[in-house]
Structure formats: C-alpha cells, structure tokens
C-alpha cells in the first residue's frame, strides 16, 4: 500500500509516517517508480506507536515495542526490552505524581494561611 492509504488506515498524516521512517520505526520499501510501499504489518506497527505516544511514551521508548512486533510477537509489550520501558515509564509517572501531590499540599497550605477557615477538598478548585 502507498503512504496515503497507510496514513488513512492508521489515522495519521503522511508526514507522521515519514517521521517514523526517519527515526527507523517503520521501513518503507520502494516500488519501481520510487513510491513508498508498505504492507499490512505496518498498520499494526503504526497503531502501536500511536498508542504509546498517546500515553506519554517517546518515539525512542516505542522502539523496543516495534521490534517486539517485528520479531513476531502478538503484543509489542511482551518482550523483556519492552517491559523495561514500561517499568521505567511507571517510575517516571510515580515521581510526577509525588511531585504534584507535594505541590498541591504546598498550595493548600498557602490557601489555609491566606484564608483561615477556607476548606479545600480534593478535586475542588
């Protein structure tokens, strides 16, 4: 399939596909006329990349997942290299959560000092 069809089926722009290709995540074959040519497996690779990016992974983070799929696994997350990335990302998220909770506590303390008697409930502006 040509780049436009892959873009349509994967829900991305041709520009995104070229970017993924530049970063070595997908590989286009070239037809006799020089057009990029992709196969059905590339739809799955792009879907994996998109799903990872949607939850905060980088393109470099996506690499082990793509390689896992290329090696024949049903899931990009089933290889040991992918599990390492999952664990690292969870540790990063946990750190961000701790940082946000500390900031929230500080802001709540400042509010309590500025407005004694104001009650701050979680989730309330």
PDB file of N, CA and C in Angstrom:
ATOM      1  N   UNK A   1       0.848  -1.176   0.000  1.00  0.00           N
ATOM      2  CA  UNK A   1       0.000   0.000   0.000  1.00  0.00           C
ATOM      3  C   UNK A   1       0.891   1.237   0.000  1.00  0.00           C
ATOM      4  N   UNK A   2       0.385   2.284  -0.562  1.00  0.00           N
ATOM      5  CA  UNK A   2       1.144   3.530  -0.628  1.00  0.00           C
ATOM      6  C   UNK A   2       0.949   4.328   0.657  1.00  0.00           C
ATOM      7  N   UNK A   3       1.732   5.376   0.809  1.00  0.00           N
ATOM      8  CA  UNK A   3       1.766   6.146   2.056  1.00  0.00           C
ATOM      9  C   UNK A   3       0.409   6.748   2.414  1.00  0.00           C
ATOM     10  N   UNK A   4      -0.338   7.221   1.417  1.00  0.00           N
ATOM     11  CA  UNK A   4      -1.641   7.814   1.693  1.00  0.00           C
ATOM     12  C   UNK A   4      -2.620   6.808   2.274  1.00  0.00           C
ATOM     13  N   UNK A   5      -2.598   5.596   1.759  1.00  0.00           N
ATOM     14  CA  UNK A   5      -3.508   4.567   2.275  1.00  0.00           C
ATOM     15  C   UNK A   5      -3.116   4.159   3.690  1.00  0.00           C
ATOM     16  N   UNK A   6      -1.818   3.978   3.924  1.00  0.00           N
ATOM     17  CA  UNK A   6      -1.380   3.640   5.281  1.00  0.00           C
ATOM     18  C   UNK A   6      -1.756   4.761   6.241  1.00  0.00           C
ATOM     19  N   UNK A   7      -1.550   5.993   5.833  1.00  0.00           N
ATOM     20  CA  UNK A   7      -1.895   7.132   6.685  1.00  0.00           C
ATOM     21  C   UNK A   7      -3.379   7.104   7.028  1.00  0.00           C
ATOM     22  N   UNK A   8      -4.217   6.882   6.025  1.00  0.00           N
ATOM     23  CA  UNK A   8      -5.669   6.846   6.245  1.00  0.00           C
ATOM     24  C   UNK A   8      -6.050   5.699   7.169  1.00  0.00           C
ATOM     25  N   UNK A   9      -5.524   4.519   6.914  1.00  0.00           N
ATOM     26  CA  UNK A   9      -5.888   3.350   7.717  1.00  0.00           C
ATOM     27  C   UNK A   9      -5.358   3.433   9.147  1.00  0.00           C
ATOM     28  N   UNK A  10      -4.208   4.073   9.316  1.00  0.00           N
ATOM     29  CA  UNK A  10      -3.605   4.158  10.646  1.00  0.00           C
ATOM     30  C   UNK A  10      -4.051   5.409  11.404  1.00  0.00           C
ATOM     31  N   UNK A  11      -4.714   6.322  10.715  1.00  0.00           N
ATOM     32  CA  UNK A  11      -5.193   7.531  11.370  1.00  0.00           C
ATOM     33  C   UNK A  11      -4.103   8.550  11.664  1.00  0.00           C
ATOM     34  N   UNK A  12      -3.092   8.594  10.815  1.00  0.00           N
ATOM     35  CA  UNK A  12      -2.008   9.565  10.962  1.00  0.00           C
ATOM     36  C   UNK A  12      -1.794  10.274   9.631  1.00  0.00           C
ATOM     37  N   UNK A  13      -0.970  11.287   9.647  1.00  0.00           N
ATOM     38  CA  UNK A  13      -0.651  12.002   8.414  1.00  0.00           C
ATOM     39  C   UNK A  13       0.520  11.321   7.707  1.00  0.00           C
ATOM     40  N   UNK A  14       0.620  11.507   6.400  1.00  0.00           N
ATOM     41  CA  UNK A  14       1.804  11.005   5.695  1.00  0.00           C
ATOM     42  C   UNK A  14       3.097  11.587   6.281  1.00  0.00           C
ATOM     43  N   UNK A  15       3.012  12.823   6.752  1.00  0.00           N
ATOM     44  CA  UNK A  15       4.184  13.446   7.369  1.00  0.00           C
ATOM     45  C   UNK A  15       4.623  12.657   8.605  1.00  0.00           C
ATOM     46  N   UNK A  16       3.663  12.230   9.431  1.00  0.00           N
ATOM     47  CA  UNK A  16       3.995  11.430  10.612  1.00  0.00           C
ATOM     48  C   UNK A  16       4.671  10.123  10.200  1.00  0.00           C
ATOM     49  N   UNK A  17       4.165   9.502   9.139  1.00  0.00           N
ATOM     50  CA  UNK A  17       4.763   8.249   8.665  1.00  0.00           C
ATOM     51  C   UNK A  17       6.201   8.469   8.205  1.00  0.00           C
ATOM     52  N   UNK A  18       6.435   9.550   7.490  1.00  0.00           N
ATOM     53  CA  UNK A  18       7.803   9.852   7.062  1.00  0.00           C
ATOM     54  C   UNK A  18       8.705  10.094   8.278  1.00  0.00           C
ATOM     55  N   UNK A  19       8.148  10.733   9.299  1.00  0.00           N
ATOM     56  CA  UNK A  19       8.901  10.980  10.539  1.00  0.00           C
ATOM     57  C   UNK A  19       9.226   9.658  11.232  1.00  0.00           C
ATOM     58  N   UNK A  20       8.257   8.764  11.324  1.00  0.00           N
ATOM     59  CA  UNK A  20       8.510   7.453  11.922  1.00  0.00           C
ATOM     60  C   UNK A  20       9.581   6.705  11.117  1.00  0.00           C
ATOM     61  N   UNK A  21       9.518   6.852   9.811  1.00  0.00           N
ATOM     62  CA  UNK A  21      10.503   6.199   8.950  1.00  0.00           C
ATOM     63  C   UNK A  21      11.896   6.803   9.175  1.00  0.00           C
ATOM     64  N   UNK A  22      11.977   8.121   9.250  1.00  0.00           N
ATOM     65  CA  UNK A  22      13.265   8.783   9.505  1.00  0.00           C
ATOM     66  C   UNK A  22      13.882   8.301  10.811  1.00  0.00           C
ATOM     67  N   UNK A  23      13.037   7.983  11.782  1.00  0.00           N
ATOM     68  CA  UNK A  23      13.502   7.523  13.088  1.00  0.00           C
ATOM     69  C   UNK A  23      13.669   6.010  13.154  1.00  0.00           C
ATOM     70  N   UNK A  24      13.494   5.343  12.036  1.00  0.00           N
ATOM     71  CA  UNK A  24      13.737   3.913  11.962  1.00  0.00           C
ATOM     72  C   UNK A  24      12.673   3.026  12.579  1.00  0.00           C
ATOM     73  N   UNK A  25      11.498   3.590  12.845  1.00  0.00           N
ATOM     74  CA  UNK A  25      10.436   2.787  13.463  1.00  0.00           C
ATOM     75  C   UNK A  25       9.629   1.999  12.437  1.00  0.00           C
ATOM     76  N   UNK A  26       9.475   2.546  11.258  1.00  0.00           N
ATOM     77  CA  UNK A  26       8.853   1.792  10.175  1.00  0.00           C
ATOM     78  C   UNK A  26       9.806   1.849   8.988  1.00  0.00           C
ATOM     79  N   UNK A  27       9.640   0.903   8.096  1.00  0.00           N
ATOM     80  CA  UNK A  27      10.526   0.816   6.929  1.00  0.00           C
ATOM     81  C   UNK A  27       9.690   0.693   5.671  1.00  0.00           C
ATOM     82  N   UNK A  28       9.824   1.671   4.828  1.00  0.00           N
ATOM     83  CA  UNK A  28       9.120   1.614   3.553  1.00  0.00           C
ATOM     84  C   UNK A  28      10.004   0.928   2.521  1.00  0.00           C
ATOM     85  N   UNK A  29       9.374   0.112   1.719  1.00  0.00           N
ATOM     86  CA  UNK A  29      10.059  -0.413   0.566  1.00  0.00           C
ATOM     87  C   UNK A  29       9.768   0.549  -0.574  1.00  0.00           C
ATOM     88  N   UNK A  30      10.581   0.567  -1.577  1.00  0.00           N
ATOM     89  CA  UNK A  30      10.354   1.472  -2.704  1.00  0.00           C
ATOM     90  C   UNK A  30       9.924   0.656  -3.923  1.00  0.00           C
ATOM     91  N   UNK A  31       8.844   1.129  -4.546  1.00  0.00           N
ATOM     92  CA  UNK A  31       8.388   0.472  -5.776  1.00  0.00           C
ATOM     93  C   UNK A  31       9.269   0.948  -6.933  1.00  0.00           C
ATOM     94  N   UNK A  32       9.074   0.378  -8.100  1.00  0.00           N
ATOM     95  CA  UNK A  32       9.890   0.704  -9.273  1.00  0.00           C
ATOM     96  C   UNK A  32       9.840   2.195  -9.603  1.00  0.00           C
ATOM     97  N   UNK A  33       8.718   2.819  -9.339  1.00  0.00           N
ATOM     98  CA  UNK A  33       8.582   4.246  -9.645  1.00  0.00           C
ATOM     99  C   UNK A  33       9.067   5.141  -8.495  1.00  0.00           C
ATOM    100  N   UNK A  34       9.601   4.542  -7.435  1.00  0.00           N
ATOM    101  CA  UNK A  34      10.159   5.312  -6.324  1.00  0.00           C
ATOM    102  C   UNK A  34       9.196   5.614  -5.195  1.00  0.00           C
ATOM    103  N   UNK A  35       7.922   5.231  -5.355  1.00  0.00           N
ATOM    104  CA  UNK A  35       6.946   5.473  -4.294  1.00  0.00           C
ATOM    105  C   UNK A  35       7.220   4.561  -3.104  1.00  0.00           C
ATOM    106  N   UNK A  36       6.899   5.075  -1.912  1.00  0.00           N
ATOM    107  CA  UNK A  36       6.992   4.241  -0.714  1.00  0.00           C
ATOM    108  C   UNK A  36       5.910   3.167  -0.797  1.00  0.00           C
ATOM    109  N   UNK A  37       6.265   1.979  -0.339  1.00  0.00           N
ATOM    110  CA  UNK A  37       5.317   0.873  -0.348  1.00  0.00           C
ATOM    111  C   UNK A  37       5.353   0.204   1.026  1.00  0.00           C
ATOM    112  N   UNK A  38       4.181   0.042   1.613  1.00  0.00           N
ATOM    113  CA  UNK A  38       4.055  -0.544   2.943  1.00  0.00           C
ATOM    114  C   UNK A  38       3.199  -1.792   2.858  1.00  0.00           C
ATOM    115  N   UNK A  39       3.322  -2.660   3.852  1.00  0.00           N
ATOM    116  CA  UNK A  39       2.450  -3.834   3.880  1.00  0.00           C
ATOM    117  C   UNK A  39       1.537  -3.791   5.097  1.00  0.00           C
ATOM    118  N   UNK A  40       0.729  -4.793   5.226  1.00  0.00           N
ATOM    119  CA  UNK A  40      -0.282  -4.847   6.289  1.00  0.00           C
ATOM    120  C   UNK A  40       0.330  -4.753   7.685  1.00  0.00           C
ATOM    121  N   UNK A  41       1.497  -5.328   7.884  1.00  0.00           N
ATOM    122  CA  UNK A  41       2.147  -5.309   9.200  1.00  0.00           C
ATOM    123  C   UNK A  41       2.457  -3.879   9.646  1.00  0.00           C
ATOM    124  N   UNK A  42       2.665  -2.984   8.686  1.00  0.00           N
ATOM    125  CA  UNK A  42       2.982  -1.600   9.041  1.00  0.00           C
ATOM    126  C   UNK A  42       1.794  -0.893   9.697  1.00  0.00           C
ATOM    127  N   UNK A  43       0.583  -1.302   9.366  1.00  0.00           N
ATOM    128  CA  UNK A  43      -0.605  -0.729  10.015  1.00  0.00           C
ATOM    129  C   UNK A  43      -0.534  -1.027  11.508  1.00  0.00           C
ATOM    130  N   UNK A  44      -0.180  -2.235  11.860  1.00  0.00           N
ATOM    131  CA  UNK A  44      -0.072  -2.638  13.271  1.00  0.00           C
ATOM    132  C   UNK A  44       1.061  -1.886  13.970  1.00  0.00           C
ATOM    133  N   UNK A  45       2.194  -1.732  13.278  1.00  0.00           N
ATOM    134  CA  UNK A  45       3.323  -1.010  13.876  1.00  0.00           C
ATOM    135  C   UNK A  45       2.953   0.435  14.181  1.00  0.00           C
ATOM    136  N   UNK A  46       2.294   1.089  13.234  1.00  0.00           N
ATOM    137  CA  UNK A  46       1.899   2.485  13.433  1.00  0.00           C
ATOM    138  C   UNK A  46       0.869   2.584  14.557  1.00  0.00           C
ATOM    139  N   UNK A  47      -0.047   1.636  14.636  1.00  0.00           N
ATOM    140  CA  UNK A  47      -1.034   1.636  15.723  1.00  0.00           C
ATOM    141  C   UNK A  47      -0.329   1.516  17.076  1.00  0.00           C
ATOM    142  N   UNK A  48       0.682   0.676  17.152  1.00  0.00           N
ATOM    143  CA  UNK A  48       1.442   0.508  18.395  1.00  0.00           C
ATOM    144  C   UNK A  48       2.155   1.811  18.759  1.00  0.00           C
ATOM    145  N   UNK A  49       2.790   2.421  17.780  1.00  0.00           N
ATOM    146  CA  UNK A  49       3.497   3.689  18.015  1.00  0.00           C
ATOM    147  C   UNK A  49       2.515   4.742  18.514  1.00  0.00           C
ATOM    148  N   UNK A  50       1.383   4.876  17.841  1.00  0.00           N
ATOM    149  CA  UNK A  50       0.374   5.877  18.222  1.00  0.00           C
ATOM    150  C   UNK A  50      -0.148   5.643  19.629  1.00  0.00           C
ATOM    151  N   UNK A  51      -0.410   4.388  19.975  1.00  0.00           N
ATOM    152  CA  UNK A  51      -0.965   4.120  21.303  1.00  0.00           C
ATOM    153  C   UNK A  51       0.050   4.446  22.393  1.00  0.00           C
ATOM    154  N   UNK A  52       1.314   4.204  22.133  1.00  0.00           N
ATOM    155  CA  UNK A  52       2.350   4.524  23.116  1.00  0.00           C
ATOM    156  C   UNK A  52       2.528   6.035  23.254  1.00  0.00           C
ATOM    157  N   UNK A  53       2.561   6.726  22.144  1.00  0.00           N
ATOM    158  CA  UNK A  53       2.705   8.189  22.179  1.00  0.00           C
ATOM    159  C   UNK A  53       1.518   8.819  22.898  1.00  0.00           C
ATOM    160  N   UNK A  54       0.334   8.263  22.695  1.00  0.00           N
ATOM    161  CA  UNK A  54      -0.884   8.819  23.308  1.00  0.00           C
ATOM    162  C   UNK A  54      -0.825   8.803  24.837  1.00  0.00           C
ATOM    163  N   UNK A  55      -0.059   7.878  25.415  1.00  0.00           N
ATOM    164  CA  UNK A  55       0.026   7.816  26.877  1.00  0.00           C
ATOM    165  C   UNK A  55       1.356   8.351  27.412  1.00  0.00           C
ATOM    166  N   UNK A  56       2.108   9.029  26.556  1.00  0.00           N
ATOM    167  CA  UNK A  56       3.282   9.736  27.034  1.00  0.00           C
ATOM    168  C   UNK A  56       4.634   9.134  26.728  1.00  0.00           C
ATOM    169  N   UNK A  57       4.682   8.059  25.970  1.00  0.00           N
ATOM    170  CA  UNK A  57       5.967   7.491  25.595  1.00  0.00           C
ATOM    171  C   UNK A  57       6.571   8.314  24.459  1.00  0.00           C
ATOM    172  N   UNK A  58       7.888   8.300  24.354  1.00  0.00           N
ATOM    173  CA  UNK A  58       8.575   8.969  23.257  1.00  0.00           C
ATOM    174  C   UNK A  58       8.749   7.984  22.098  1.00  0.00           C
ATOM    175  N   UNK A  59       9.179   8.508  20.961  1.00  0.00           N
ATOM    176  CA  UNK A  59       9.464   7.617  19.837  1.00  0.00           C
ATOM    177  C   UNK A  59      10.569   6.627  20.203  1.00  0.00           C
ATOM    178  N   UNK A  60      11.557   7.097  20.933  1.00  0.00           N
ATOM    179  CA  UNK A  60      12.639   6.192  21.343  1.00  0.00           C
ATOM    180  C   UNK A  60      12.110   5.113  22.284  1.00  0.00           C
ATOM    181  N   UNK A  61      11.176   5.478  23.159  1.00  0.00           N
ATOM    182  CA  UNK A  61      10.544   4.490  24.030  1.00  0.00           C
ATOM    183  C   UNK A  61       9.819   3.427  23.211  1.00  0.00           C
ATOM    184  N   UNK A  62       9.257   3.825  22.087  1.00  0.00           N
ATOM    185  CA  UNK A  62       8.452   2.916  21.263  1.00  0.00           C
ATOM    186  C   UNK A  62       9.294   1.866  20.541  1.00  0.00           C
ATOM    187  N   UNK A  63      10.567   2.146  20.365  1.00  0.00           N
ATOM    188  CA  UNK A  63      11.436   1.260  19.580  1.00  0.00           C
ATOM    189  C   UNK A  63      11.382  -0.211  20.025  1.00  0.00           C
ATOM    190  N   UNK A  64      11.541  -0.543  21.317  1.00  0.00           N
ATOM    191  CA  UNK A  64      11.504  -1.963  21.699  1.00  0.00           C
ATOM    192  C   UNK A  64      10.150  -2.623  21.419  1.00  0.00           C
ATOM    193  N   UNK A  65       9.078  -1.853  21.518  1.00  0.00           N
ATOM    194  CA  UNK A  65       7.741  -2.399  21.243  1.00  0.00           C
ATOM    195  C   UNK A  65       7.605  -2.749  19.758  1.00  0.00           C
ATOM    196  N   UNK A  66       8.103  -1.856  18.909  1.00  0.00           N
ATOM    197  CA  UNK A  66       8.060  -2.090  17.460  1.00  0.00           C
ATOM    198  C   UNK A  66       8.919  -3.301  17.107  1.00  0.00           C
ATOM    199  N   UNK A  67      10.115  -3.370  17.688  1.00  0.00           N
ATOM    200  CA  UNK A  67      10.990  -4.516  17.415  1.00  0.00           C
ATOM    201  C   UNK A  67      10.359  -5.818  17.901  1.00  0.00           C
ATOM    202  N   UNK A  68       9.655  -5.760  19.008  1.00  0.00           N
ATOM    203  CA  UNK A  68       8.975  -6.941  19.529  1.00  0.00           C
ATOM    204  C   UNK A  68       7.921  -7.432  18.535  1.00  0.00           C
ATOM    205  N   UNK A  69       7.139  -6.507  18.001  1.00  0.00           N
ATOM    206  CA  UNK A  69       6.142  -6.878  16.992  1.00  0.00           C
ATOM    207  C   UNK A  69       6.810  -7.429  15.740  1.00  0.00           C
ATOM    208  N   UNK A  70       7.868  -6.776  15.310  1.00  0.00           N
ATOM    209  CA  UNK A  70       8.583  -7.230  14.104  1.00  0.00           C
ATOM    210  C   UNK A  70       9.129  -8.641  14.273  1.00  0.00           C
ATOM    211  N   UNK A  71       9.483  -9.002  15.491  1.00  0.00           N
ATOM    212  CA  UNK A  71      10.055 -10.332  15.716  1.00  0.00           C
ATOM    213  C   UNK A  71       8.978 -11.412  15.799  1.00  0.00           C
ATOM    214  N   UNK A  72       7.715 -11.013  15.616  1.00  0.00           N
ATOM    215  CA  UNK A  72       6.654 -11.999  15.529  1.00  0.00           C
ATOM    216  C   UNK A  72       5.759 -12.135  16.744  1.00  0.00           C
ATOM    217  N   UNK A  73       5.987 -11.343  17.767  1.00  0.00           N
ATOM    218  CA  UNK A  73       5.138 -11.409  18.953  1.00  0.00           C
ATOM    219  C   UNK A  73       3.778 -10.776  18.675  1.00  0.00           C
ATOM    220  N   UNK A  74       2.773 -11.287  19.339  1.00  0.00           N
ATOM    221  CA  UNK A  74       1.409 -10.770  19.181  1.00  0.00           C
ATOM    222  C   UNK A  74       1.261  -9.369  19.775  1.00  0.00           C
ATOM    223  N   UNK A  75       1.999  -9.111  20.854  1.00  0.00           N
ATOM    224  CA  UNK A  75       1.937  -7.830  21.543  1.00  0.00           C
ATOM    225  C   UNK A  75       3.325  -7.199  21.577  1.00  0.00           C
ATOM    226  N   UNK A  76       3.373  -5.895  21.363  1.00  0.00           N
ATOM    227  CA  UNK A  76       4.646  -5.196  21.431  1.00  0.00           C
ATOM    228  C   UNK A  76       5.194  -5.095  22.836  1.00  0.00           C
ATOM    229  N   UNK A  77       4.365  -5.322  23.824  1.00  0.00           N
ATOM    230  CA  UNK A  77       4.795  -5.223  25.210  1.00  0.00           C
ATOM    231  C   UNK A  77       5.216  -6.539  25.825  1.00  0.00           C
ATOM    232  N   UNK A  78       5.264  -7.593  25.040  1.00  0.00           N
ATOM    233  CA  UNK A  78       5.542  -8.915  25.606  1.00  0.00           C
ATOM    234  C   UNK A  78       7.021  -9.283  25.643  1.00  0.00           C
ATOM    235  N   UNK A  79       7.894  -8.437  25.147  1.00  0.00           N
ATOM    236  CA  UNK A  79       9.333  -8.727  25.157  1.00  0.00           C
ATOM    237  C   UNK A  79       9.997  -8.087  26.380  1.00  0.00           C
ATOM    238  N   UNK A  80      11.057  -8.684  26.870  1.00  0.00           N
ATOM    239  CA  UNK A  80      11.736  -8.146  28.062  1.00  0.00           C
ATOM    240  C   UNK A  80      12.162  -6.680  27.908  1.00  0.00           C
ATOM    241  N   UNK A  81      12.612  -6.294  26.715  1.00  0.00           N
ATOM    242  CA  UNK A  81      13.038  -4.912  26.498  1.00  0.00           C
ATOM    243  C   UNK A  81      11.870  -3.941  26.658  1.00  0.00           C
ATOM    244  N   UNK A  82      10.695  -4.350  26.235  1.00  0.00           N
ATOM    245  CA  UNK A  82       9.500  -3.517  26.377  1.00  0.00           C
ATOM    246  C   UNK A  82       9.090  -3.399  27.836  1.00  0.00           C
ATOM    247  N   UNK A  83       9.212  -4.477  28.573  1.00  0.00           N
ATOM    248  CA  UNK A  83       8.866  -4.472  29.997  1.00  0.00           C
ATOM    249  C   UNK A  83       9.764  -3.490  30.747  1.00  0.00           C
ATOM    250  N   UNK A  84      11.024  -3.429  30.372  1.00  0.00           N
ATOM    251  CA  UNK A  84      11.947  -2.471  30.985  1.00  0.00           C
ATOM    252  C   UNK A  84      11.451  -1.039  30.752  1.00  0.00           C
ATOM    253  N   UNK A  85      10.995  -0.764  29.540  1.00  0.00           N
ATOM    254  CA  UNK A  85      10.491   0.577  29.223  1.00  0.00           C
ATOM    255  C   UNK A  85       9.212   0.858  30.010  1.00  0.00           C
ATOM    256  N   UNK A  86       8.319  -0.121  30.082  1.00  0.00           N
ATOM    257  CA  UNK A  86       7.103   0.050  30.891  1.00  0.00           C
ATOM    258  C   UNK A  86       7.457   0.403  32.339  1.00  0.00           C
ATOM    259  N   UNK A  87       8.372  -0.346  32.914  1.00  0.00           N
ATOM    260  CA  UNK A  87       8.747  -0.110  34.315  1.00  0.00           C
ATOM    261  C   UNK A  87       9.363   1.272  34.503  1.00  0.00           C
ATOM    262  N   UNK A  88      10.226   1.667  33.585  1.00  0.00           N
ATOM    263  CA  UNK A  88      10.843   2.991  33.673  1.00  0.00           C
ATOM    264  C   UNK A  88       9.787   4.087  33.566  1.00  0.00           C
ATOM    265  N   UNK A  89       8.838   3.927  32.645  1.00  0.00           N
ATOM    266  CA  UNK A  89       7.783   4.933  32.458  1.00  0.00           C
ATOM    267  C   UNK A  89       6.899   5.008  33.701  1.00  0.00           C
ATOM    268  N   UNK A  90       6.552   3.871  34.293  1.00  0.00           N
ATOM    269  CA  UNK A  90       5.758   3.886  35.528  1.00  0.00           C
ATOM    270  C   UNK A  90       6.500   4.595  36.656  1.00  0.00           C
ATOM    271  N   UNK A  91       7.799   4.373  36.759  1.00  0.00           N
ATOM    272  CA  UNK A  91       8.594   5.060  37.787  1.00  0.00           C
ATOM    273  C   UNK A  91       8.574   6.566  37.540  1.00  0.00           C
ATOM    274  N   UNK A  92       8.670   6.982  36.279  1.00  0.00           N
ATOM    275  CA  UNK A  92       8.606   8.412  35.949  1.00  0.00           C
ATOM    276  C   UNK A  92       7.246   8.997  36.330  1.00  0.00           C
ATOM    277  N   UNK A  93       6.185   8.276  36.018  1.00  0.00           N
ATOM    278  CA  UNK A  93       4.830   8.744  36.335  1.00  0.00           C
ATOM    279  C   UNK A  93       4.645   8.827  37.850  1.00  0.00           C
ATOM    280  N   UNK A  94       5.110   7.808  38.572  1.00  0.00           N
ATOM    281  CA  UNK A  94       5.015   7.834  40.036  1.00  0.00           C
ATOM    282  C   UNK A  94       5.754   9.039  40.604  1.00  0.00           C
ATOM    283  N   UNK A  95       6.908   9.352  40.051  1.00  0.00           N
ATOM    284  CA  UNK A  95       7.670  10.513  40.501  1.00  0.00           C
ATOM    285  C   UNK A  95       6.903  11.809  40.232  1.00  0.00           C
ATOM    286  N   UNK A  96       6.299  11.896  39.062  1.00  0.00           N
ATOM    287  CA  UNK A  96       5.492  13.075  38.728  1.00  0.00           C
ATOM    288  C   UNK A  96       4.305  13.212  39.677  1.00  0.00           C
ATOM    289  N   UNK A  97       3.670  12.091  40.015  1.00  0.00           N
ATOM    290  CA  UNK A  97       2.534  12.121  40.938  1.00  0.00           C
ATOM    291  C   UNK A  97       2.986  12.619  42.311  1.00  0.00           C
ATOM    292  N   UNK A  98       4.109  12.097  42.791  1.00  0.00           N
ATOM    293  CA  UNK A  98       4.619  12.554  44.093  1.00  0.00           C
ATOM    294  C   UNK A  98       4.907  14.051  44.055  1.00  0.00           C
ATOM    295  N   UNK A  99       5.484  14.513  42.991  1.00  0.00           N
ATOM    296  CA  UNK A  99       5.790  15.937  42.849  1.00  0.00           C
ATOM    297  C   UNK A  99       4.508  16.776  42.828  1.00  0.00           C
ATOM    298  N   UNK A 100       3.508  16.328  42.096  1.00  0.00           N
ATOM    299  CA  UNK A 100       2.233  17.051  42.046  1.00  0.00           C
ATOM    300  C   UNK A 100       1.546  17.066  43.406  1.00  0.00           C
ATOM    301  N   UNK A 101       1.579  15.947  44.108  1.00  0.00           N
ATOM    302  CA  UNK A 101       0.967  15.906  45.441  1.00  0.00           C
ATOM    303  C   UNK A 101       1.678  16.854  46.407  1.00  0.00           C
ATOM    304  N   UNK A 102       2.988  16.916  46.312  1.00  0.00           N
ATOM    305  CA  UNK A 102       3.735  17.845  47.173  1.00  0.00           C
ATOM    306  C   UNK A 102       3.379  19.291  46.828  1.00  0.00           C
ATOM    307  N   UNK A 103       3.275  19.599  45.544  1.00  0.00           N
ATOM    308  CA  UNK A 103       2.894  20.945  45.133  1.00  0.00           C
ATOM    309  C   UNK A 103       1.488  21.279  45.588  1.00  0.00           C
ATOM    310  N   UNK A 104       0.584  20.310  45.468  1.00  0.00           N
ATOM    311  CA  UNK A 104      -0.795  20.525  45.909  1.00  0.00           C
ATOM    312  C   UNK A 104      -0.838  20.826  47.394  1.00  0.00           C
ATOM    313  N   UNK A 105      -0.086  20.058  48.157  1.00  0.00           N
ATOM    314  CA  UNK A 105      -0.046  20.257  49.601  1.00  0.00           C
ATOM    315  C   UNK A 105       0.466  21.653  49.936  1.00  0.00           C
ATOM    316  N   UNK A 106       1.478  22.094  49.231  1.00  0.00           N
ATOM    317  CA  UNK A 106       2.037  23.427  49.468  1.00  0.00           C
ATOM    318  C   UNK A 106       1.022  24.515  49.125  1.00  0.00           C
ATOM    319  N   UNK A 107       0.343  24.373  48.011  1.00  0.00           N
ATOM    320  CA  UNK A 107      -0.670  25.369  47.628  1.00  0.00           C
ATOM    321  C   UNK A 107      -1.823  25.366  48.634  1.00  0.00           C
ATOM    322  N   UNK A 108      -2.241  24.181  49.073  1.00  0.00           N
ATOM    323  CA  UNK A 108      -3.315  24.101  50.069  1.00  0.00           C
ATOM    324  C   UNK A 108      -2.885  24.777  51.371  1.00  0.00           C
ATOM    325  N   UNK A 109      -1.620  24.606  51.753  1.00  0.00           N
ATOM    326  CA  UNK A 109      -1.117  25.252  52.969  1.00  0.00           C
ATOM    327  C   UNK A 109      -1.110  26.771  52.802  1.00  0.00           C
ATOM    328  N   UNK A 110      -0.735  27.240  51.639  1.00  0.00           N
ATOM    329  CA  UNK A 110      -0.741  28.679  51.374  1.00  0.00           C
ATOM    330  C   UNK A 110      -2.167  29.230  51.404  1.00  0.00           C
ATOM    331  N   UNK A 111      -3.120  28.468  50.861  1.00  0.00           N
ATOM    332  CA  UNK A 111      -4.522  28.881  50.902  1.00  0.00           C
ATOM    333  C   UNK A 111      -5.007  28.941  52.340  1.00  0.00           C
ATOM    334  N   UNK A 112      -4.675  27.929  53.117  1.00  0.00           N
ATOM    335  CA  UNK A 112      -5.103  27.894  54.525  1.00  0.00           C
ATOM    336  C   UNK A 112      -4.537  29.083  55.298  1.00  0.00           C
ATOM    337  N   UNK A 113      -3.327  29.478  54.961  1.00  0.00           N
ATOM    338  CA  UNK A 113      -2.722  30.631  55.626  1.00  0.00           C
ATOM    339  C   UNK A 113      -3.385  31.924  55.169  1.00  0.00           C
ATOM    340  N   UNK A 114      -3.686  32.025  53.894  1.00  0.00           N
ATOM    341  CA  UNK A 114      -4.286  33.238  53.351  1.00  0.00           C
ATOM    342  C   UNK A 114      -5.761  33.343  53.707  1.00  0.00           C
ATOM    343  N   UNK A 115      -6.400  32.233  53.885  1.00  0.00           N
ATOM    344  CA  UNK A 115      -7.837  32.216  54.127  1.00  0.00           C
ATOM    345  C   UNK A 115      -8.136  31.181  55.201  1.00  0.00           C
ATOM    346  N   UNK A 116      -7.858  31.520  56.459  1.00  0.00           N
ATOM    347  CA  UNK A 116      -8.095  30.538  57.532  1.00  0.00           C
ATOM    348  C   UNK A 116      -9.571  30.124  57.533  1.00  0.00           C
ATOM    349  N   UNK A 117      -9.965  29.029  57.545  1.00  0.00           N
ATOM    350  CA  UNK A 117     -11.374  28.648  57.532  1.00  0.00           C
ATOM    351  C   UNK A 117     -11.845  28.233  56.145  1.00  0.00           C
ATOM    352  N   UNK A 118     -11.056  28.541  55.120  1.00  0.00           N
ATOM    353  CA  UNK A 118     -11.414  28.044  53.779  1.00  0.00           C
ATOM    354  C   UNK A 118     -11.104  26.553  53.760  1.00  0.00           C
ATOM    355  N   UNK A 119     -12.028  25.803  53.262  1.00  0.00           N
ATOM    356  CA  UNK A 119     -11.858  24.357  53.220  1.00  0.00           C
ATOM    357  C   UNK A 119     -11.498  23.951  51.816  1.00  0.00           C
ATOM    358  N   UNK A 120     -10.461  23.169  51.659  1.00  0.00           N
ATOM    359  CA  UNK A 120     -10.039  22.688  50.340  1.00  0.00           C
ATOM    360  C   UNK A 120     -10.291  21.196  50.292  1.00  0.00           C
ATOM    361  N   UNK A 121     -11.166  20.792  49.372  1.00  0.00           N
ATOM    362  CA  UNK A 121     -11.450  19.379  49.172  1.00  0.00           C
ATOM    363  C   UNK A 121     -10.707  18.921  47.928  1.00  0.00           C
ATOM    364  N   UNK A 122     -10.286  17.683  47.906  1.00  0.00           N
ATOM    365  CA  UNK A 122      -9.634  17.140  46.716  1.00  0.00           C
ATOM    366  C   UNK A 122     -10.559  17.240  45.531  1.00  0.00           C
ATOM    367  N   UNK A 123      -9.998  17.678  44.413  1.00  0.00           N
ATOM    368  CA  UNK A 123     -10.782  17.806  43.193  1.00  0.00           C
ATOM    369  C   UNK A 123     -11.571  19.080  43.092  1.00  0.00           C
ATOM    370  N   UNK A 124     -11.539  19.883  44.136  1.00  0.00           N
ATOM    371  CA  UNK A 124     -12.297  21.144  44.138  1.00  0.00           C
ATOM    372  C   UNK A 124     -11.356  22.286  43.769  1.00  0.00           C
ATOM    373  N   UNK A 125     -11.825  23.186  42.928  1.00  0.00           N
ATOM    374  CA  UNK A 125     -10.983  24.321  42.553  1.00  0.00           C
ATOM    375  C   UNK A 125     -10.826  25.324  43.678  1.00  0.00           C
TER     376      UNK A 125
END
